[in-house]
Amino acid sequence: MRRISLALTTAALIGTAAAVAAPAQAAGPAAAPQAVRAASACHEDNAMIYTDGTRLRTKASTSGGVIGQLYFGDPIRILRSSGGWDYVQLKEKSKGGLGKGTRGWVAHKNIIPPFCGH
C-alpha cells in the first residue's frame, strides 16, 4: 500500500502515466499487465527531490562543497549513480533558486526514483 501511495504522489507531481498504473495494480492481477505496459515508458528523467533543504554537492560525499539547496518536488534527471549518491541535473529552476541545468550530487535517500511499474 505504501508503494502505491508513493507512486500516486510521484505521478501527481511529475505527470507520468503512473497515476493510471498504480490503482490498476491494486485492483488485482488481471489489471496488472496493462498497468505495467502503461508505466514502462519511465526513465531517469522522471525523478524528483523527496525532502526540503536537500544539499546539491560538488562531490558524492558529505565533504563535497554545497552548490545550493533543493526542495520537495524539484524535478531532476539522474545522470549516474555512485554508492548512495546520484549525479543529477535540474530540469527547471529549483525552488531554492538554482538555475535549470545545474548539476551536482545528491544523496540517493533524498530522491523519489522514477516509477516504472515494478
PDB file of N, CA and C in Angstrom:
ATOM      1  N   MET A   1       0.821  -1.189   0.000  1.00  0.00           N
ATOM      2  CA  MET A   1       0.000   0.000   0.000  1.00  0.00           C
ATOM      3  C   MET A   1       0.865   1.253   0.000  1.00  0.00           C
ATOM      4  N   ARG A   2       1.977   1.210   0.763  1.00  0.00           N
ATOM      5  CA  ARG A   2       2.867   2.365   0.839  1.00  0.00           C
ATOM      6  C   ARG A   2       3.488   2.657  -0.522  1.00  0.00           C
ATOM      7  N   ARG A   3       3.876   1.596  -1.259  1.00  0.00           N
ATOM      8  CA  ARG A   3       4.472   1.770  -2.582  1.00  0.00           C
ATOM      9  C   ARG A   3       3.466   2.418  -3.535  1.00  0.00           C
ATOM     10  N   ILE A   4       2.206   2.007  -3.466  1.00  0.00           N
ATOM     11  CA  ILE A   4       1.181   2.574  -4.331  1.00  0.00           C
ATOM     12  C   ILE A   4       0.970   4.040  -3.986  1.00  0.00           C
ATOM     13  N   SER A   5       0.948   4.356  -2.699  1.00  0.00           N
ATOM     14  CA  SER A   5       0.776   5.732  -2.269  1.00  0.00           C
ATOM     15  C   SER A   5       1.929   6.602  -2.773  1.00  0.00           C
ATOM     16  N   LEU A   6       3.162   6.099  -2.669  1.00  0.00           N
ATOM     17  CA  LEU A   6       4.325   6.833  -3.155  1.00  0.00           C
ATOM     18  C   LEU A   6       4.238   7.016  -4.661  1.00  0.00           C
ATOM     19  N   ALA A   7       3.787   5.986  -5.362  1.00  0.00           N
ATOM     20  CA  ALA A   7       3.658   6.078  -6.822  1.00  0.00           C
ATOM     21  C   ALA A   7       2.625   7.129  -7.209  1.00  0.00           C
ATOM     22  N   LEU A   8       1.521   7.175  -6.490  1.00  0.00           N
ATOM     23  CA  LEU A   8       0.489   8.166  -6.789  1.00  0.00           C
ATOM     24  C   LEU A   8       0.989   9.579  -6.524  1.00  0.00           C
ATOM     25  N   THR A   9       1.718   9.760  -5.426  1.00  0.00           N
ATOM     26  CA  THR A   9       2.279  11.065  -5.115  1.00  0.00           C
ATOM     27  C   THR A   9       3.265  11.477  -6.194  1.00  0.00           C
ATOM     28  N   THR A  10       4.138  10.558  -6.574  1.00  0.00           N
ATOM     29  CA  THR A  10       5.122  10.839  -7.614  1.00  0.00           C
ATOM     30  C   THR A  10       4.427  11.206  -8.911  1.00  0.00           C
ATOM     31  N   ALA A  11       3.456  10.424  -9.300  1.00  0.00           N
ATOM     32  CA  ALA A  11       2.753  10.658 -10.561  1.00  0.00           C
ATOM     33  C   ALA A  11       2.032  12.003 -10.553  1.00  0.00           C
ATOM     34  N   ALA A  12       1.413  12.327  -9.445  1.00  0.00           N
ATOM     35  CA  ALA A  12       0.683  13.590  -9.368  1.00  0.00           C
ATOM     36  C   ALA A  12       1.624  14.780  -9.511  1.00  0.00           C
ATOM     37  N   LEU A  13       2.820  14.654  -8.987  1.00  0.00           N
ATOM     38  CA  LEU A  13       3.747  15.767  -9.026  1.00  0.00           C
ATOM     39  C   LEU A  13       4.510  15.886 -10.338  1.00  0.00           C
ATOM     40  N   ILE A  14       4.737  14.755 -11.032  1.00  0.00           N
ATOM     41  CA  ILE A  14       5.523  14.838 -12.264  1.00  0.00           C
ATOM     42  C   ILE A  14       4.748  14.457 -13.504  1.00  0.00           C
ATOM     43  N   GLY A  15       3.476  14.105 -13.362  1.00  0.00           N
ATOM     44  CA  GLY A  15       2.608  13.903 -14.513  1.00  0.00           C
ATOM     45  C   GLY A  15       2.924  12.707 -15.382  1.00  0.00           C
ATOM     46  N   THR A  16       3.268  11.570 -14.801  1.00  0.00           N
ATOM     47  CA  THR A  16       3.534  10.381 -15.605  1.00  0.00           C
ATOM     48  C   THR A  16       2.298   9.525 -15.717  1.00  0.00           C
ATOM     49  N   ALA A  17       2.413   8.466 -16.461  1.00  0.00           N
ATOM     50  CA  ALA A  17       1.321   7.509 -16.620  1.00  0.00           C
ATOM     51  C   ALA A  17       1.118   6.678 -15.359  1.00  0.00           C
ATOM     52  N   ALA A  18       1.952   6.869 -14.361  1.00  0.00           N
ATOM     53  CA  ALA A  18       1.862   6.079 -13.141  1.00  0.00           C
ATOM     54  C   ALA A  18       0.539   6.277 -12.416  1.00  0.00           C
ATOM     55  N   ALA A  19      -0.085   7.431 -12.552  1.00  0.00           N
ATOM     56  CA  ALA A  19      -1.355   7.680 -11.874  1.00  0.00           C
ATOM     57  C   ALA A  19      -2.401   6.675 -12.325  1.00  0.00           C
ATOM     58  N   VAL A  20      -2.358   6.266 -13.559  1.00  0.00           N
ATOM     59  CA  VAL A  20      -3.284   5.263 -14.071  1.00  0.00           C
ATOM     60  C   VAL A  20      -2.817   3.878 -13.667  1.00  0.00           C
ATOM     61  N   ALA A  21      -1.507   3.661 -13.632  1.00  0.00           N
ATOM     62  CA  ALA A  21      -0.960   2.339 -13.405  1.00  0.00           C
ATOM     63  C   ALA A  21      -1.136   1.850 -11.969  1.00  0.00           C
ATOM     64  N   ALA A  22      -0.888   2.693 -10.978  1.00  0.00           N
ATOM     65  CA  ALA A  22      -0.905   2.240  -9.601  1.00  0.00           C
ATOM     66  C   ALA A  22      -2.273   1.733  -9.160  1.00  0.00           C
ATOM     67  N   PRO A  23      -3.399   2.440  -9.415  1.00  0.00           N
ATOM     68  CA  PRO A  23      -4.678   1.903  -8.994  1.00  0.00           C
ATOM     69  C   PRO A  23      -5.015   0.606  -9.727  1.00  0.00           C
ATOM     70  N   ALA A  24      -4.630   0.477 -10.970  1.00  0.00           N
ATOM     71  CA  ALA A  24      -4.915  -0.745 -11.710  1.00  0.00           C
ATOM     72  C   ALA A  24      -4.189  -1.921 -11.087  1.00  0.00           C
ATOM     73  N   GLN A  25      -2.965  -1.713 -10.619  1.00  0.00           N
ATOM     74  CA  GLN A  25      -2.226  -2.790  -9.982  1.00  0.00           C
ATOM     75  C   GLN A  25      -2.895  -3.191  -8.681  1.00  0.00           C
ATOM     76  N   ALA A  26      -3.437  -2.231  -7.958  1.00  0.00           N
ATOM     77  CA  ALA A  26      -4.103  -2.526  -6.698  1.00  0.00           C
ATOM     78  C   ALA A  26      -5.398  -3.289  -6.923  1.00  0.00           C
ATOM     79  N   ALA A  27      -6.000  -3.147  -8.111  1.00  0.00           N
ATOM     80  CA  ALA A  27      -7.276  -3.776  -8.395  1.00  0.00           C
ATOM     81  C   ALA A  27      -7.172  -5.284  -8.494  1.00  0.00           C
ATOM     82  N   GLY A  28      -6.009  -5.803  -8.850  1.00  0.00           N
ATOM     83  CA  GLY A  28      -5.856  -7.244  -8.926  1.00  0.00           C
ATOM     84  C   GLY A  28      -4.940  -7.649 -10.050  1.00  0.00           C
ATOM     85  N   PRO A  29      -4.586  -8.943 -10.088  1.00  0.00           N
ATOM     86  CA  PRO A  29      -3.626  -9.425 -11.065  1.00  0.00           C
ATOM     87  C   PRO A  29      -4.085  -9.251 -12.515  1.00  0.00           C
ATOM     88  N   ALA A  30      -5.371  -9.324 -12.781  1.00  0.00           N
ATOM     89  CA  ALA A  30      -5.852  -9.215 -14.160  1.00  0.00           C
ATOM     90  C   ALA A  30      -5.553  -7.844 -14.750  1.00  0.00           C
ATOM     91  N   ALA A  31      -5.554  -6.802 -13.930  1.00  0.00           N
ATOM     92  CA  ALA A  31      -5.317  -5.450 -14.412  1.00  0.00           C
ATOM     93  C   ALA A  31      -3.832  -5.114 -14.497  1.00  0.00           C
ATOM     94  N   ALA A  32      -2.991  -5.873 -13.823  1.00  0.00           N
ATOM     95  CA  ALA A  32      -1.573  -5.542 -13.725  1.00  0.00           C
ATOM     96  C   ALA A  32      -0.831  -5.494 -15.061  1.00  0.00           C
ATOM     97  N   PRO A  33      -0.976  -6.455 -15.987  1.00  0.00           N
ATOM     98  CA  PRO A  33      -0.190  -6.387 -17.221  1.00  0.00           C
ATOM     99  C   PRO A  33      -0.408  -5.092 -18.006  1.00  0.00           C
ATOM    100  N   GLN A  34      -1.629  -4.629 -18.114  1.00  0.00           N
ATOM    101  CA  GLN A  34      -1.903  -3.387 -18.817  1.00  0.00           C
ATOM    102  C   GLN A  34      -1.262  -2.215 -18.079  1.00  0.00           C
ATOM    103  N   ALA A  35      -1.318  -2.224 -16.749  1.00  0.00           N
ATOM    104  CA  ALA A  35      -0.747  -1.147 -15.952  1.00  0.00           C
ATOM    105  C   ALA A  35       0.762  -1.084 -16.129  1.00  0.00           C
ATOM    106  N   VAL A  36       1.418  -2.238 -16.153  1.00  0.00           N
ATOM    107  CA  VAL A  36       2.864  -2.262 -16.314  1.00  0.00           C
ATOM    108  C   VAL A  36       3.242  -1.702 -17.678  1.00  0.00           C
ATOM    109  N   ARG A  37       2.521  -2.060 -18.712  1.00  0.00           N
ATOM    110  CA  ARG A  37       2.802  -1.525 -20.044  1.00  0.00           C
ATOM    111  C   ARG A  37       2.635  -0.004 -20.066  1.00  0.00           C
ATOM    112  N   ALA A  38       1.622   0.506 -19.404  1.00  0.00           N
ATOM    113  CA  ALA A  38       1.355   1.944 -19.416  1.00  0.00           C
ATOM    114  C   ALA A  38       2.470   2.714 -18.716  1.00  0.00           C
ATOM    115  N   ALA A  39       3.059   2.127 -17.690  1.00  0.00           N
ATOM    116  CA  ALA A  39       4.067   2.832 -16.905  1.00  0.00           C
ATOM    117  C   ALA A  39       5.493   2.537 -17.365  1.00  0.00           C
ATOM    118  N   SER A  40       5.684   1.610 -18.288  1.00  0.00           N
ATOM    119  CA  SER A  40       7.031   1.187 -18.642  1.00  0.00           C
ATOM    120  C   SER A  40       7.832   2.225 -19.411  1.00  0.00           C
ATOM    121  N   ALA A  41       7.236   3.325 -19.810  1.00  0.00           N
ATOM    122  CA  ALA A  41       7.944   4.356 -20.567  1.00  0.00           C
ATOM    123  C   ALA A  41       8.784   5.258 -19.671  1.00  0.00           C
ATOM    124  N   CYS A  42       8.831   5.014 -18.379  1.00  0.00           N
ATOM    125  CA  CYS A  42       9.572   5.889 -17.471  1.00  0.00           C
ATOM    126  C   CYS A  42      11.080   5.703 -17.652  1.00  0.00           C
ATOM    127  N   HIS A  43      11.828   6.652 -17.182  1.00  0.00           N
ATOM    128  CA  HIS A  43      13.283   6.606 -17.233  1.00  0.00           C
ATOM    129  C   HIS A  43      13.820   7.578 -16.187  1.00  0.00           C
ATOM    130  N   GLU A  44      15.127   7.681 -16.091  1.00  0.00           N
ATOM    131  CA  GLU A  44      15.762   8.505 -15.055  1.00  0.00           C
ATOM    132  C   GLU A  44      15.416   9.989 -15.162  1.00  0.00           C
ATOM    133  N   ASP A  45      14.751  10.374 -16.240  1.00  0.00           N
ATOM    134  CA  ASP A  45      14.371  11.768 -16.440  1.00  0.00           C
ATOM    135  C   ASP A  45      13.164  12.160 -15.583  1.00  0.00           C
ATOM    136  N   ASN A  46      12.476  11.192 -15.016  1.00  0.00           N
ATOM    137  CA  ASN A  46      11.246  11.464 -14.263  1.00  0.00           C
ATOM    138  C   ASN A  46      11.433  11.269 -12.761  1.00  0.00           C
ATOM    139  N   ALA A  47      12.497  11.789 -12.205  1.00  0.00           N
ATOM    140  CA  ALA A  47      12.731  11.705 -10.767  1.00  0.00           C
ATOM    141  C   ALA A  47      12.538  13.097 -10.172  1.00  0.00           C
ATOM    142  N   MET A  48      12.475  13.142  -8.842  1.00  0.00           N
ATOM    143  CA  MET A  48      12.364  14.444  -8.182  1.00  0.00           C
ATOM    144  C   MET A  48      12.894  14.363  -6.765  1.00  0.00           C
ATOM    145  N   ILE A  49      13.084  15.513  -6.163  1.00  0.00           N
ATOM    146  CA  ILE A  49      13.608  15.601  -4.803  1.00  0.00           C
ATOM    147  C   ILE A  49      12.490  15.277  -3.812  1.00  0.00           C
ATOM    148  N   TYR A  50      12.832  14.488  -2.807  1.00  0.00           N
ATOM    149  CA  TYR A  50      11.870  13.988  -1.827  1.00  0.00           C
ATOM    150  C   TYR A  50      11.804  14.834  -0.554  1.00  0.00           C
ATOM    151  N   THR A  51      12.844  15.593  -0.256  1.00  0.00           N
ATOM    152  CA  THR A  51      12.902  16.324   1.011  1.00  0.00           C
ATOM    153  C   THR A  51      13.187  17.809   0.784  1.00  0.00           C
ATOM    154  N   ASP A  52      12.874  18.621   1.748  1.00  0.00           N
ATOM    155  CA  ASP A  52      13.178  20.058   1.696  1.00  0.00           C
ATOM    156  C   ASP A  52      14.583  20.312   2.242  1.00  0.00           C
ATOM    157  N   GLY A  53      15.313  21.222   1.606  1.00  0.00           N
ATOM    158  CA  GLY A  53      16.643  21.578   2.074  1.00  0.00           C
ATOM    159  C   GLY A  53      17.719  20.571   1.707  1.00  0.00           C
ATOM    160  N   THR A  54      17.460  19.745   0.696  1.00  0.00           N
ATOM    161  CA  THR A  54      18.435  18.754   0.247  1.00  0.00           C
ATOM    162  C   THR A  54      19.633  19.475  -0.371  1.00  0.00           C
ATOM    163  N   ARG A  55      20.824  19.113   0.056  1.00  0.00           N
ATOM    164  CA  ARG A  55      22.020  19.782  -0.451  1.00  0.00           C
ATOM    165  C   ARG A  55      22.472  19.180  -1.780  1.00  0.00           C
ATOM    166  N   LEU A  56      22.687  20.043  -2.753  1.00  0.00           N
ATOM    167  CA  LEU A  56      23.275  19.660  -4.032  1.00  0.00           C
ATOM    168  C   LEU A  56      24.768  19.907  -3.871  1.00  0.00           C
ATOM    169  N   ARG A  57      25.582  18.860  -4.030  1.00  0.00           N
ATOM    170  CA  ARG A  57      27.004  18.938  -3.708  1.00  0.00           C
ATOM    171  C   ARG A  57      27.912  18.784  -4.929  1.00  0.00           C
ATOM    172  N   THR A  58      29.163  19.222  -4.754  1.00  0.00           N
ATOM    173  CA  THR A  58      30.165  19.121  -5.816  1.00  0.00           C
ATOM    174  C   THR A  58      30.763  17.725  -5.921  1.00  0.00           C
ATOM    175  N   LYS A  59      30.699  16.935  -4.839  1.00  0.00           N
ATOM    176  CA  LYS A  59      31.232  15.570  -4.813  1.00  0.00           C
ATOM    177  C   LYS A  59      30.196  14.636  -4.209  1.00  0.00           C
ATOM    178  N   ALA A  60      30.347  13.344  -4.476  1.00  0.00           N
ATOM    179  CA  ALA A  60      29.455  12.329  -3.917  1.00  0.00           C
ATOM    180  C   ALA A  60      29.884  12.007  -2.491  1.00  0.00           C
ATOM    181  N   SER A  61      29.790  13.006  -1.633  1.00  0.00           N
ATOM    182  CA  SER A  61      30.235  12.872  -0.254  1.00  0.00           C
ATOM    183  C   SER A  61      29.714  14.052   0.558  1.00  0.00           C
ATOM    184  N   THR A  62      29.535  13.843   1.853  1.00  0.00           N
ATOM    185  CA  THR A  62      29.112  14.955   2.707  1.00  0.00           C
ATOM    186  C   THR A  62      30.220  15.994   2.847  1.00  0.00           C
ATOM    187  N   SER A  63      31.444  15.645   2.428  1.00  0.00           N
ATOM    188  CA  SER A  63      32.531  16.621   2.461  1.00  0.00           C
ATOM    189  C   SER A  63      32.579  17.466   1.178  1.00  0.00           C
ATOM    190  N   GLY A  64      31.719  17.128   0.218  1.00  0.00           N
ATOM    191  CA  GLY A  64      31.652  17.918  -1.019  1.00  0.00           C
ATOM    192  C   GLY A  64      31.058  19.290  -0.750  1.00  0.00           C
ATOM    193  N   GLY A  65      31.574  20.298  -1.434  1.00  0.00           N
ATOM    194  CA  GLY A  65      31.045  21.645  -1.275  1.00  0.00           C
ATOM    195  C   GLY A  65      29.570  21.707  -1.654  1.00  0.00           C
ATOM    196  N   VAL A  66      28.835  22.603  -1.030  1.00  0.00           N
ATOM    197  CA  VAL A  66      27.402  22.749  -1.285  1.00  0.00           C
ATOM    198  C   VAL A  66      27.185  23.782  -2.395  1.00  0.00           C
ATOM    199  N   ILE A  67      26.549  23.344  -3.470  1.00  0.00           N
ATOM    200  CA  ILE A  67      26.223  24.233  -4.588  1.00  0.00           C
ATOM    201  C   ILE A  67      24.980  25.051  -4.242  1.00  0.00           C
ATOM    202  N   GLY A  68      24.027  24.399  -3.588  1.00  0.00           N
ATOM    203  CA  GLY A  68      22.780  25.041  -3.194  1.00  0.00           C
ATOM    204  C   GLY A  68      21.838  24.020  -2.608  1.00  0.00           C
ATOM    205  N   GLN A  69      20.611  24.426  -2.354  1.00  0.00           N
ATOM    206  CA  GLN A  69      19.624  23.522  -1.762  1.00  0.00           C
ATOM    207  C   GLN A  69      18.473  23.277  -2.724  1.00  0.00           C
ATOM    208  N   LEU A  70      17.943  22.051  -2.638  1.00  0.00           N
ATOM    209  CA  LEU A  70      16.793  21.646  -3.438  1.00  0.00           C
ATOM    210  C   LEU A  70      15.632  21.361  -2.499  1.00  0.00           C
ATOM    211  N   TYR A  71      14.429  21.399  -3.045  1.00  0.00           N
ATOM    212  CA  TYR A  71      13.240  21.238  -2.224  1.00  0.00           C
ATOM    213  C   TYR A  71      12.278  20.224  -2.823  1.00  0.00           C
ATOM    214  N   PHE A  72      11.389  19.708  -1.980  1.00  0.00           N
ATOM    215  CA  PHE A  72      10.435  18.681  -2.389  1.00  0.00           C
ATOM    216  C   PHE A  72       9.761  19.062  -3.704  1.00  0.00           C
ATOM    217  N   GLY A  73       9.819  18.136  -4.648  1.00  0.00           N
ATOM    218  CA  GLY A  73       9.172  18.345  -5.929  1.00  0.00           C
ATOM    219  C   GLY A  73      10.055  18.923  -7.013  1.00  0.00           C
ATOM    220  N   ASP A  74      11.259  19.399  -6.669  1.00  0.00           N
ATOM    221  CA  ASP A  74      12.156  19.897  -7.710  1.00  0.00           C
ATOM    222  C   ASP A  74      12.439  18.752  -8.683  1.00  0.00           C
ATOM    223  N   PRO A  75      12.120  18.917  -9.972  1.00  0.00           N
ATOM    224  CA  PRO A  75      12.322  17.838 -10.939  1.00  0.00           C
ATOM    225  C   PRO A  75      13.782  17.731 -11.373  1.00  0.00           C
ATOM    226  N   ILE A  76      14.268  16.496 -11.399  1.00  0.00           N
ATOM    227  CA  ILE A  76      15.664  16.252 -11.744  1.00  0.00           C
ATOM    228  C   ILE A  76      15.786  15.121 -12.760  1.00  0.00           C
ATOM    229  N   ARG A  77      16.924  15.080 -13.387  1.00  0.00           N
ATOM    230  CA  ARG A  77      17.313  13.995 -14.293  1.00  0.00           C
ATOM    231  C   ARG A  77      18.505  13.315 -13.629  1.00  0.00           C
ATOM    232  N   ILE A  78      18.432  12.001 -13.419  1.00  0.00           N
ATOM    233  CA  ILE A  78      19.552  11.260 -12.837  1.00  0.00           C
ATOM    234  C   ILE A  78      20.511  10.909 -13.970  1.00  0.00           C
ATOM    235  N   LEU A  79      21.740  11.396 -13.884  1.00  0.00           N
ATOM    236  CA  LEU A  79      22.726  11.165 -14.932  1.00  0.00           C
ATOM    237  C   LEU A  79      23.570   9.920 -14.664  1.00  0.00           C
ATOM    238  N   ARG A  80      23.904   9.682 -13.388  1.00  0.00           N
ATOM    239  CA  ARG A  80      24.630   8.460 -12.996  1.00  0.00           C
ATOM    240  C   ARG A  80      24.559   8.318 -11.483  1.00  0.00           C
ATOM    241  N   SER A  81      24.966   7.141 -11.013  1.00  0.00           N
ATOM    242  CA  SER A  81      24.940   6.851  -9.582  1.00  0.00           C
ATOM    243  C   SER A  81      26.289   6.315  -9.130  1.00  0.00           C
ATOM    244  N   SER A  82      26.601   6.562  -7.868  1.00  0.00           N
ATOM    245  CA  SER A  82      27.828   6.043  -7.272  1.00  0.00           C
ATOM    246  C   SER A  82      27.575   5.824  -5.789  1.00  0.00           C
ATOM    247  N   GLY A  83      27.540   4.562  -5.397  1.00  0.00           N
ATOM    248  CA  GLY A  83      27.248   4.252  -4.000  1.00  0.00           C
ATOM    249  C   GLY A  83      25.861   4.744  -3.639  1.00  0.00           C
ATOM    250  N   GLY A  84      25.727   5.499  -2.590  1.00  0.00           N
ATOM    251  CA  GLY A  84      24.443   6.045  -2.162  1.00  0.00           C
ATOM    252  C   GLY A  84      24.177   7.440  -2.703  1.00  0.00           C
ATOM    253  N   TRP A  85      24.867   7.817  -3.778  1.00  0.00           N
ATOM    254  CA  TRP A  85      24.752   9.162  -4.339  1.00  0.00           C
ATOM    255  C   TRP A  85      24.337   9.111  -5.795  1.00  0.00           C
ATOM    256  N   ASP A  86      23.619  10.154  -6.233  1.00  0.00           N
ATOM    257  CA  ASP A  86      23.212  10.281  -7.630  1.00  0.00           C
ATOM    258  C   ASP A  86      23.689  11.629  -8.159  1.00  0.00           C
ATOM    259  N   TYR A  87      24.268  11.607  -9.359  1.00  0.00           N
ATOM    260  CA  TYR A  87      24.665  12.834 -10.040  1.00  0.00           C
ATOM    261  C   TYR A  87      23.461  13.273 -10.856  1.00  0.00           C
ATOM    262  N   VAL A  88      22.947  14.460 -10.572  1.00  0.00           N
ATOM    263  CA  VAL A  88      21.677  14.898 -11.156  1.00  0.00           C
ATOM    264  C   VAL A  88      21.817  16.233 -11.885  1.00  0.00           C
ATOM    265  N   GLN A  89      20.826  16.499 -12.712  1.00  0.00           N
ATOM    266  CA  GLN A  89      20.723  17.781 -13.410  1.00  0.00           C
ATOM    267  C   GLN A  89      19.309  18.308 -13.203  1.00  0.00           C
ATOM    268  N   LEU A  90      19.189  19.581 -12.859  1.00  0.00           N
ATOM    269  CA  LEU A  90      17.871  20.185 -12.671  1.00  0.00           C
ATOM    270  C   LEU A  90      17.166  20.332 -14.011  1.00  0.00           C
ATOM    271  N   LYS A  91      15.904  19.948 -14.061  1.00  0.00           N
ATOM    272  CA  LYS A  91      15.120  20.057 -15.291  1.00  0.00           C
ATOM    273  C   LYS A  91      14.502  21.443 -15.452  1.00  0.00           C
ATOM    274  N   GLU A  92      14.439  22.180 -14.360  1.00  0.00           N
ATOM    275  CA  GLU A  92      13.936  23.559 -14.387  1.00  0.00           C
ATOM    276  C   GLU A  92      14.515  24.281 -13.179  1.00  0.00           C
ATOM    277  N   LYS A  93      14.315  25.592 -13.106  1.00  0.00           N
ATOM    278  CA  LYS A  93      14.825  26.354 -11.971  1.00  0.00           C
ATOM    279  C   LYS A  93      14.268  25.757 -10.677  1.00  0.00           C
ATOM    280  N   SER A  94      15.134  25.573  -9.690  1.00  0.00           N
ATOM    281  CA  SER A  94      14.699  24.955  -8.430  1.00  0.00           C
ATOM    282  C   SER A  94      13.970  25.962  -7.550  1.00  0.00           C
ATOM    283  N   LYS A  95      13.248  25.445  -6.584  1.00  0.00           N
ATOM    284  CA  LYS A  95      12.550  26.310  -5.627  1.00  0.00           C
ATOM    285  C   LYS A  95      13.545  27.095  -4.777  1.00  0.00           C
ATOM    286  N   GLY A  96      14.787  26.584  -4.695  1.00  0.00           N
ATOM    287  CA  GLY A  96      15.837  27.267  -3.947  1.00  0.00           C
ATOM    288  C   GLY A  96      16.586  28.297  -4.777  1.00  0.00           C
ATOM    289  N   GLY A  97      16.221  28.438  -6.077  1.00  0.00           N
ATOM    290  CA  GLY A  97      16.815  29.455  -6.925  1.00  0.00           C
ATOM    291  C   GLY A  97      17.945  28.995  -7.836  1.00  0.00           C
ATOM    292  N   LEU A  98      18.303  27.703  -7.801  1.00  0.00           N
ATOM    293  CA  LEU A  98      19.339  27.200  -8.695  1.00  0.00           C
ATOM    294  C   LEU A  98      18.788  27.136 -10.115  1.00  0.00           C
ATOM    295  N   GLY A  99      19.617  27.459 -11.084  1.00  0.00           N
ATOM    296  CA  GLY A  99      19.178  27.514 -12.473  1.00  0.00           C
ATOM    297  C   GLY A  99      18.948  26.161 -13.118  1.00  0.00           C
ATOM    298  N   LYS A 100      18.075  26.161 -14.106  1.00  0.00           N
ATOM    299  CA  LYS A 100      17.827  24.970 -14.910  1.00  0.00           C
ATOM    300  C   LYS A 100      19.157  24.494 -15.483  1.00  0.00           C
ATOM    301  N   GLY A 101      19.377  23.168 -15.438  1.00  0.00           N
ATOM    302  CA  GLY A 101      20.606  22.592 -15.979  1.00  0.00           C
ATOM    303  C   GLY A 101      21.731  22.462 -14.973  1.00  0.00           C
ATOM    304  N   THR A 102      21.573  23.042 -13.775  1.00  0.00           N
ATOM    305  CA  THR A 102      22.607  22.927 -12.744  1.00  0.00           C
ATOM    306  C   THR A 102      22.799  21.460 -12.403  1.00  0.00           C
ATOM    307  N   ARG A 103      24.063  21.043 -12.268  1.00  0.00           N
ATOM    308  CA  ARG A 103      24.389  19.642 -11.969  1.00  0.00           C
ATOM    309  C   ARG A 103      25.119  19.531 -10.646  1.00  0.00           C
ATOM    310  N   GLY A 104      24.923  18.389  -9.991  1.00  0.00           N
ATOM    311  CA  GLY A 104      25.621  18.110  -8.747  1.00  0.00           C
ATOM    312  C   GLY A 104      25.186  16.776  -8.177  1.00  0.00           C
ATOM    313  N   TRP A 105      25.733  16.452  -7.033  1.00  0.00           N
ATOM    314  CA  TRP A 105      25.475  15.174  -6.369  1.00  0.00           C
ATOM    315  C   TRP A 105      24.443  15.333  -5.249  1.00  0.00           C
ATOM    316  N   VAL A 106      23.538  14.360  -5.159  1.00  0.00           N
ATOM    317  CA  VAL A 106      22.501  14.332  -4.125  1.00  0.00           C
ATOM    318  C   VAL A 106      22.494  12.937  -3.511  1.00  0.00           C
ATOM    319  N   ALA A 107      22.361  12.864  -2.186  1.00  0.00           N
ATOM    320  CA  ALA A 107      22.230  11.559  -1.528  1.00  0.00           C
ATOM    321  C   ALA A 107      20.969  10.871  -2.052  1.00  0.00           C
ATOM    322  N   HIS A 108      21.105   9.614  -2.451  1.00  0.00           N
ATOM    323  CA  HIS A 108      20.006   8.874  -3.067  1.00  0.00           C
ATOM    324  C   HIS A 108      18.747   8.845  -2.190  1.00  0.00           C
ATOM    325  N   LYS A 109      18.912   8.834  -0.876  1.00  0.00           N
ATOM    326  CA  LYS A 109      17.755   8.766   0.023  1.00  0.00           C
ATOM    327  C   LYS A 109      16.848   9.995  -0.102  1.00  0.00           C
ATOM    328  N   ASN A 110      17.336  11.067  -0.733  1.00  0.00           N
ATOM    329  CA  ASN A 110      16.563  12.299  -0.895  1.00  0.00           C
ATOM    330  C   ASN A 110      15.876  12.411  -2.248  1.00  0.00           C
ATOM    331  N   ILE A 111      15.838  11.309  -2.992  1.00  0.00           N
ATOM    332  CA  ILE A 111      15.253  11.313  -4.332  1.00  0.00           C
ATOM    333  C   ILE A 111      14.096  10.338  -4.410  1.00  0.00           C
ATOM    334  N   ILE A 112      13.015  10.780  -5.028  1.00  0.00           N
ATOM    335  CA  ILE A 112      11.927   9.857  -5.369  1.00  0.00           C
ATOM    336  C   ILE A 112      12.285   9.330  -6.744  1.00  0.00           C
ATOM    337  N   PRO A 113      12.615   8.037  -6.818  1.00  0.00           N
ATOM    338  CA  PRO A 113      13.017   7.492  -8.117  1.00  0.00           C
ATOM    339  C   PRO A 113      11.834   7.429  -9.081  1.00  0.00           C
ATOM    340  N   PRO A 114      12.137   7.299 -10.361  1.00  0.00           N
ATOM    341  CA  PRO A 114      11.062   7.178 -11.341  1.00  0.00           C
ATOM    342  C   PRO A 114      10.202   5.951 -11.066  1.00  0.00           C
ATOM    343  N   PHE A 115       8.906   6.041 -11.290  1.00  0.00           N
ATOM    344  CA  PHE A 115       8.013   4.896 -11.137  1.00  0.00           C
ATOM    345  C   PHE A 115       8.013   4.128 -12.445  1.00  0.00           C
ATOM    346  N   CYS A 116       8.386   2.869 -12.405  1.00  0.00           N
ATOM    347  CA  CYS A 116       8.499   2.069 -13.626  1.00  0.00           C
ATOM    348  C   CYS A 116       7.533   0.890 -13.651  1.00  0.00           C
ATOM    349  N   GLY A 117       6.539   0.873 -12.815  1.00  0.00           N
ATOM    350  CA  GLY A 117       5.549  -0.191 -12.811  1.00  0.00           C
ATOM    351  C   GLY A 117       6.022  -1.477 -12.167  1.00  0.00           C
ATOM    352  N   HIS A 118       7.067  -1.430 -11.325  1.00  0.00           N
ATOM    353  CA  HIS A 118       7.556  -2.638 -10.640  1.00  0.00           C
ATOM    354  C   HIS A 118       6.885  -2.774  -9.301  1.00  0.00           C
TER     355      HIS A 118
END
